[in-house]
Amino acid sequence: MLKLDELTLTSNGNKILDKITCNFNLGEITALLGPSGSGKTSLLRCIARLEPTNPKAILMDGIPIQALKPTDIGMVFQQFHLFPHLTVLENLCYSPEHLGLMTDATCNPKAIEMLKRFGLDDKADVQPHLLSGGQKQRVAIARALMMEPRILLFDEPTSALDPEMVDDVADLIDGLRSPDRIIIMATHELKICKKIADRVLFLENGQLIEDSSAQDFFESPQSERARSFIERVG
């Protein structure tokens, strides 16, 4: 279990996250919903250890998140953040080799198998600028999966893609479920939440307003703000 206990984040005197307390369970997909600036991406960045946090604020099975192995957490960024000067294969192998976890001899075969899994084996020697948005996203996901993370984070997985690809993205993320993995996605797309999310956390102004099953959130939201958000965005 991933546990957040009064997670707080400030920047230049502004409170970005305000005492967020919640749990994320293995095998589940949790959606972070809320308007722009609500703290969704900041919450992901804290879990990904890209923002400094109190060691007691984020625990994985009782262990501070700062003490987890680099391989335990994978993040797929909104703009993918692929290395433009590297090929697709080199993008997948960069982190495992840079961290000394694999060599060319062990990493390349695994990367090729990963690309086959996502239908990208013919793109191994291609540079990212020659890929479509959907292909870049699949490469970014394949790269995150190379180290078999226990926690997999997605920041706005549909925002850089055509609207008609939402179902494809939902199916892709849903296919990454595992009994020993936690998946968390920050999104503004209600369609993907309704299709694959088990739980929804609704944030506004850095505060956690609602924490419920996806079904309960959409059928009977507890706050007027959540009801208004669903009506306006949905």
Protein backbone atom coordinates (compact mmCIF):
# COMPACT_ATOMS: atom_id res chain seq x y z
CA MET A 1 0.00 0.00 0.00
CA LEU A 2 1.10 3.55 -0.79
CA LYS A 3 0.12 5.89 2.02
CA LEU A 4 0.08 9.69 2.03
CA ASP A 5 -0.11 11.30 5.46
CA GLU A 6 -0.72 15.06 5.53
CA LEU A 7 1.42 15.60 2.44
CA THR A 8 2.11 19.31 2.11
CA LEU A 9 4.02 21.13 -0.63
CA THR A 10 4.81 24.84 -0.76
CA SER A 11 6.51 26.98 -3.40
CA ASN A 12 7.54 30.60 -2.94
CA GLY A 13 5.30 30.82 0.09
CA ASN A 14 2.30 29.39 -1.77
CA LYS A 15 0.71 26.15 -0.56
CA ILE A 16 0.51 23.80 -3.57
CA LEU A 17 -0.67 20.74 -1.62
CA ASP A 18 -2.44 21.08 1.71
CA LYS A 19 -2.27 18.08 4.07
CA ILE A 20 -3.23 15.39 1.55
CA THR A 21 -4.03 12.11 3.32
CA CYS A 22 -5.07 9.01 1.37
CA ASN A 23 -4.07 5.46 0.40
CA PHE A 24 -3.39 3.80 -2.95
CA ASN A 25 -3.86 0.05 -3.18
CA LEU A 26 -2.00 -2.55 -5.22
CA GLY A 27 -3.86 -3.69 -8.31
CA GLU A 28 -5.92 -0.50 -8.54
CA ILE A 29 -6.01 2.39 -10.99
CA THR A 30 -6.64 5.71 -9.26
CA ALA A 31 -7.56 8.87 -11.16
CA LEU A 32 -6.64 12.33 -9.89
CA LEU A 33 -9.31 14.74 -11.06
CA GLY A 34 -9.70 18.48 -10.61
CA PRO A 35 -9.42 21.81 -12.41
CA SER A 36 -6.13 23.18 -13.68
CA GLY A 37 -3.92 24.23 -10.79
CA SER A 38 -5.63 21.90 -8.33
CA GLY A 39 -2.40 20.06 -7.51
CA LYS A 40 -2.78 16.86 -9.57
CA THR A 41 0.62 17.03 -11.27
CA SER A 42 2.31 18.25 -8.10
CA LEU A 43 0.96 15.22 -6.26
CA LEU A 44 2.39 12.91 -8.91
CA ARG A 45 5.74 14.72 -8.79
CA CYS A 46 5.91 14.24 -5.01
CA ILE A 47 5.29 10.51 -5.38
CA ALA A 48 7.88 10.38 -8.17
CA ARG A 49 10.39 12.06 -5.81
CA LEU A 50 10.72 15.06 -8.11
CA GLU A 51 9.68 17.39 -5.29
CA PRO A 52 11.13 17.44 -1.74
CA THR A 53 8.75 16.02 0.84
CA ASN A 54 8.73 15.11 4.51
CA PRO A 55 10.10 11.53 4.80
CA LYS A 56 7.05 10.56 6.86
CA ALA A 57 4.53 12.00 4.38
CA ILE A 58 4.72 9.28 1.70
CA LEU A 59 5.23 5.64 2.66
CA MET A 60 5.23 2.48 0.55
CA ASP A 61 4.55 -0.53 2.75
CA GLY A 62 5.78 1.54 5.69
CA ILE A 63 9.01 2.58 3.97
CA PRO A 64 9.66 6.29 3.17
CA ILE A 65 9.38 6.81 -0.54
CA GLN A 66 12.86 8.36 -0.58
CA ALA A 67 14.28 4.95 0.40
CA LEU A 68 12.72 3.03 -2.49
CA LYS A 69 14.86 1.75 -5.33
CA PRO A 70 15.00 3.78 -8.57
CA THR A 71 13.25 0.88 -10.28
CA ASP A 72 10.20 1.06 -7.97
CA ILE A 73 8.65 4.16 -9.53
CA GLY A 74 8.00 4.93 -13.20
CA MET A 75 6.43 8.09 -14.60
CA VAL A 76 5.03 8.88 -18.05
CA PHE A 77 5.15 12.64 -18.49
CA GLN A 78 2.54 14.76 -20.24
CA GLN A 79 4.95 15.70 -23.04
CA PHE A 80 6.68 12.28 -22.93
CA HIS A 81 10.19 13.74 -22.38
CA LEU A 82 11.93 11.34 -24.76
CA PHE A 83 15.58 12.08 -25.44
CA PRO A 84 15.48 13.63 -28.94
CA HIS A 85 19.07 12.70 -29.85
CA LEU A 86 18.61 9.00 -29.01
CA THR A 87 16.83 6.28 -30.96
CA VAL A 88 13.75 4.60 -29.52
CA LEU A 89 15.85 1.61 -28.43
CA GLU A 90 18.42 3.89 -26.80
CA ASN A 91 15.66 5.75 -24.97
CA LEU A 92 14.46 2.51 -23.41
CA CYS A 93 17.95 1.40 -22.40
CA TYR A 94 19.29 4.74 -21.16
CA SER A 95 18.11 4.59 -17.53
CA PRO A 96 18.72 0.86 -16.86
CA GLU A 97 22.26 1.16 -18.24
CA HIS A 98 22.96 4.57 -16.68
CA LEU A 99 21.96 3.20 -13.27
CA GLY A 100 24.15 0.14 -13.79
CA LEU A 101 21.19 -2.23 -13.66
CA MET A 102 21.73 -3.68 -17.13
CA THR A 103 24.32 -3.87 -19.88
CA ASP A 104 23.79 -3.62 -23.64
CA ALA A 105 23.76 -7.41 -23.78
CA THR A 106 20.87 -7.68 -21.32
CA CYS A 107 19.03 -4.43 -21.97
CA ASN A 108 18.71 -4.50 -25.75
CA PRO A 109 16.84 -7.85 -25.94
CA LYS A 110 14.46 -6.77 -23.17
CA ALA A 111 13.87 -3.41 -24.89
CA ILE A 112 13.12 -5.11 -28.20
CA GLU A 113 10.62 -7.43 -26.52
CA MET A 114 9.01 -4.42 -24.85
CA LEU A 115 8.72 -2.64 -28.20
CA LYS A 116 7.11 -5.74 -29.70
CA ARG A 117 4.58 -5.71 -26.89
CA PHE A 118 3.53 -2.20 -27.92
CA GLY A 119 3.71 -2.80 -31.66
CA LEU A 120 6.81 -0.67 -32.07
CA ASP A 121 9.51 -3.20 -32.92
CA ASP A 122 9.94 -1.58 -36.35
CA LYS A 123 10.71 1.78 -34.65
CA ALA A 124 13.73 0.65 -32.62
CA ASP A 125 16.25 2.64 -34.67
CA VAL A 126 14.01 5.67 -35.24
CA GLN A 127 14.45 9.00 -33.44
CA PRO A 128 11.44 10.44 -31.55
CA HIS A 129 10.80 13.36 -33.92
CA LEU A 130 9.77 10.87 -36.61
CA LEU A 131 7.07 9.31 -34.42
CA SER A 132 3.39 10.22 -34.11
CA GLY A 133 2.00 11.40 -30.78
CA GLY A 134 0.51 7.99 -30.07
CA GLN A 135 3.78 6.26 -30.89
CA LYS A 136 5.72 8.63 -28.62
CA GLN A 137 3.35 7.85 -25.80
CA ARG A 138 3.78 4.09 -26.24
CA VAL A 139 7.56 4.53 -26.27
CA ALA A 140 7.33 6.58 -23.06
CA ILE A 141 5.23 3.85 -21.42
CA ALA A 142 7.59 1.13 -22.63
CA ARG A 143 10.51 3.10 -21.22
CA ALA A 144 8.79 3.41 -17.83
CA LEU A 145 8.07 -0.33 -17.79
CA MET A 146 11.63 -1.36 -18.55
CA MET A 147 12.44 -1.42 -14.84
CA GLU A 148 9.13 -3.07 -13.87
CA PRO A 149 7.99 -0.36 -11.42
CA ARG A 150 5.70 -1.06 -8.50
CA ILE A 151 4.23 2.43 -8.84
CA LEU A 152 3.35 3.71 -12.33
CA LEU A 153 2.35 7.36 -12.76
CA PHE A 154 0.68 9.05 -15.74
CA ASP A 155 0.44 12.83 -16.08
CA GLU A 156 -2.47 13.81 -18.37
CA PRO A 157 -2.08 10.74 -20.62
CA THR A 158 -4.54 12.01 -23.27
CA SER A 159 -3.77 15.74 -23.37
CA ALA A 160 -1.16 15.57 -26.14
CA LEU A 161 -3.23 13.22 -28.31
CA ASP A 162 -6.24 13.45 -30.59
CA PRO A 163 -9.58 13.14 -28.71
CA GLU A 164 -10.53 10.03 -30.67
CA MET A 165 -7.54 8.20 -29.13
CA VAL A 166 -8.96 8.33 -25.60
CA ASP A 167 -10.39 4.80 -25.80
CA ASP A 168 -7.09 3.43 -27.12
CA VAL A 169 -5.17 5.08 -24.29
CA ALA A 170 -7.65 3.78 -21.73
CA ASP A 171 -7.26 0.22 -23.03
CA LEU A 172 -3.48 0.60 -23.05
CA ILE A 173 -3.31 1.75 -19.42
CA ASP A 174 -5.89 -0.82 -18.32
CA GLY A 175 -3.69 -3.52 -19.85
CA LEU A 176 -0.88 -2.52 -17.48
CA ARG A 177 -2.80 -3.60 -14.39
CA SER A 178 -0.96 -5.98 -12.11
CA PRO A 179 -1.75 -7.36 -8.64
CA ASP A 180 1.59 -5.99 -7.42
CA ARG A 181 1.42 -2.56 -9.11
CA ILE A 182 -0.22 0.76 -8.25
CA ILE A 183 -1.30 2.95 -11.18
CA ILE A 184 -2.11 6.63 -10.64
CA MET A 185 -3.11 9.01 -13.42
CA ALA A 186 -3.71 12.75 -13.31
CA THR A 187 -6.28 13.64 -15.93
CA HIS A 188 -9.03 16.04 -16.94
CA GLU A 189 -10.67 13.43 -19.19
CA LEU A 190 -13.77 11.99 -17.52
CA LYS A 191 -14.20 9.35 -20.21
CA ILE A 192 -10.97 7.55 -19.33
CA CYS A 193 -11.84 7.70 -15.62
CA LYS A 194 -15.26 6.17 -16.13
CA LYS A 195 -13.80 3.42 -18.28
CA ILE A 196 -10.85 2.17 -16.21
CA ALA A 197 -10.47 3.96 -12.86
CA ASP A 198 -11.26 2.07 -9.68
CA ARG A 199 -11.04 5.18 -7.49
CA VAL A 200 -11.16 8.94 -7.95
CA LEU A 201 -9.45 11.59 -5.87
CA PHE A 202 -10.91 15.03 -6.57
CA LEU A 203 -8.62 17.96 -5.77
CA GLU A 204 -9.08 21.70 -5.74
CA ASN A 205 -6.67 24.40 -4.59
CA GLY A 206 -4.28 21.75 -3.30
CA GLN A 207 -6.89 20.13 -1.07
CA LEU A 208 -8.40 16.67 -1.32
CA ILE A 209 -12.15 17.27 -1.67
CA GLU A 210 -13.35 13.74 -2.39
CA ASP A 211 -11.90 10.22 -2.20
CA SER A 212 -14.28 7.52 -3.39
CA SER A 213 -14.82 4.69 -5.81
CA ALA A 214 -15.15 5.86 -9.40
CA GLN A 215 -18.73 4.62 -9.52
CA ASP A 216 -19.73 6.54 -6.40
CA PHE A 217 -17.94 9.67 -7.57
CA PHE A 218 -19.78 9.85 -10.87
CA GLU A 219 -23.16 8.61 -9.63
CA SER A 220 -23.37 10.46 -6.32
CA PRO A 221 -20.58 13.01 -5.74
CA GLN A 222 -20.58 14.26 -2.16
CA SER A 223 -19.53 17.87 -2.76
CA GLU A 224 -21.22 20.59 -4.76
CA ARG A 225 -17.84 21.43 -6.31
CA ALA A 226 -17.42 17.89 -7.64
CA ARG A 227 -20.97 17.88 -9.01
CA SER A 228 -20.31 21.17 -10.78
CA PHE A 229 -17.03 19.87 -12.20
CA ILE A 230 -18.65 16.72 -13.59
CA GLU A 231 -21.46 18.74 -15.20
CA ARG A 232 -19.11 21.25 -16.79
CA VAL A 233 -16.37 18.90 -17.95
CA GLY A 234 -18.49 15.86 -18.76
